[in-house]
Amino acid sequence: MHSTEKTCSRAKHSTPSTTANARQALVQYFTENYPPVKRLKIKDHKNFFVARARYGKRVLHAKAYSLERLVIYFRQEFETKVLALN
């Protein structure tokens, strides 16, 4: 075995996210209250959350360490990119 080869000492498995229900509730809230936004996804990246959505050809993007802050940043992104155009 070469020193550059990696060995895995344990089986890889994924654990279910503890924020899945909260993220799904936020997706439902934004799709109901912000109808022009399409394909909203909120992902949990262990240390931070990322929200991405489409508005026509524009992409709305927000990144935060908590879901509460993510909502604030996503609303700001919506106001600057969507409401400013109308």
Protein backbone atom coordinates (compact mmCIF):
# COMPACT_ATOMS: atom_id res chain seq x y z
CA MET A 1 0.00 0.00 0.00
CA HIS A 2 1.27 3.42 -0.91
CA SER A 3 1.33 6.20 1.61
CA THR A 4 -0.99 8.31 -0.56
CA GLU A 5 -3.84 5.80 -0.41
CA LYS A 6 -6.51 6.47 2.17
CA THR A 7 -7.93 3.80 4.39
CA CYS A 8 -11.36 4.00 5.89
CA SER A 9 -11.50 2.61 9.40
CA ARG A 10 -15.28 2.79 9.77
CA ALA A 11 -18.31 2.49 7.57
CA LYS A 12 -19.67 5.73 6.19
CA HIS A 13 -23.22 6.57 7.10
CA SER A 14 -25.30 9.69 7.21
CA THR A 15 -27.30 10.85 10.16
CA PRO A 16 -30.65 12.54 9.67
CA SER A 17 -30.58 16.30 10.02
CA THR A 18 -32.08 17.76 13.17
CA THR A 19 -33.17 20.90 11.29
CA ALA A 20 -35.07 19.17 8.49
CA ASN A 21 -38.53 20.06 9.83
CA ALA A 22 -37.60 23.69 10.45
CA ARG A 23 -36.07 24.04 6.99
CA GLN A 24 -39.15 22.49 5.38
CA ALA A 25 -41.40 24.90 7.30
CA LEU A 26 -39.32 27.86 6.05
CA VAL A 27 -39.53 26.63 2.47
CA GLN A 28 -43.31 26.36 2.78
CA TYR A 29 -43.53 29.84 4.37
CA PHE A 30 -41.51 31.48 1.60
CA THR A 31 -43.36 29.74 -1.23
CA GLU A 32 -46.72 30.84 0.21
CA ASN A 33 -45.76 34.43 1.06
CA TYR A 34 -43.34 35.16 -1.78
CA PRO A 35 -45.04 33.71 -4.89
CA PRO A 36 -42.51 34.89 -7.53
CA VAL A 37 -39.76 32.83 -5.85
CA LYS A 38 -39.36 29.37 -7.38
CA ARG A 39 -37.30 26.32 -6.50
CA LEU A 40 -36.28 27.41 -3.01
CA LYS A 41 -33.84 25.07 -1.30
CA ILE A 42 -32.36 25.43 2.16
CA LYS A 43 -29.36 23.23 2.87
CA ASP A 44 -27.70 22.44 6.17
CA HIS A 45 -23.89 22.45 5.91
CA LYS A 46 -23.14 21.50 9.55
CA ASN A 47 -21.81 24.96 10.49
CA PHE A 48 -24.01 27.18 8.33
CA PHE A 49 -27.18 27.23 6.24
CA VAL A 50 -27.51 28.16 2.59
CA ALA A 51 -30.71 29.25 0.84
CA ARG A 52 -30.98 29.40 -2.94
CA ALA A 53 -34.01 30.30 -5.02
CA ARG A 54 -34.88 31.43 -8.53
CA TYR A 55 -36.75 34.54 -9.57
CA GLY A 56 -36.99 34.52 -13.33
CA LYS A 57 -33.39 34.50 -14.51
CA ARG A 58 -32.05 35.86 -11.25
CA VAL A 59 -30.74 33.72 -8.42
CA LEU A 60 -31.39 34.69 -4.82
CA HIS A 61 -28.72 33.49 -2.40
CA ALA A 62 -28.33 33.80 1.36
CA LYS A 63 -25.90 32.23 3.81
CA ALA A 64 -26.00 32.33 7.61
CA TYR A 65 -24.99 30.46 10.75
CA SER A 66 -28.57 30.21 12.06
CA LEU A 67 -31.98 29.75 10.50
CA GLU A 68 -33.24 32.97 12.09
CA ARG A 69 -30.48 34.98 10.43
CA LEU A 70 -31.01 33.11 7.18
CA VAL A 71 -34.60 34.33 7.06
CA ILE A 72 -33.45 37.93 7.59
CA TYR A 73 -30.75 37.72 4.92
CA PHE A 74 -33.08 36.03 2.44
CA ARG A 75 -35.73 38.74 2.94
CA GLN A 76 -33.08 41.41 2.33
CA GLU A 77 -31.96 39.63 -0.82
CA PHE A 78 -35.59 39.39 -1.99
CA GLU A 79 -36.18 43.10 -1.35
CA THR A 80 -33.04 44.23 -3.16
CA LYS A 81 -33.30 41.96 -6.19
CA VAL A 82 -37.06 41.52 -6.65
CA LEU A 83 -38.91 44.44 -5.11
CA ALA A 84 -36.38 47.00 -6.33
CA LEU A 85 -37.12 45.99 -9.92
CA ASN A 86 -40.87 46.46 -9.64
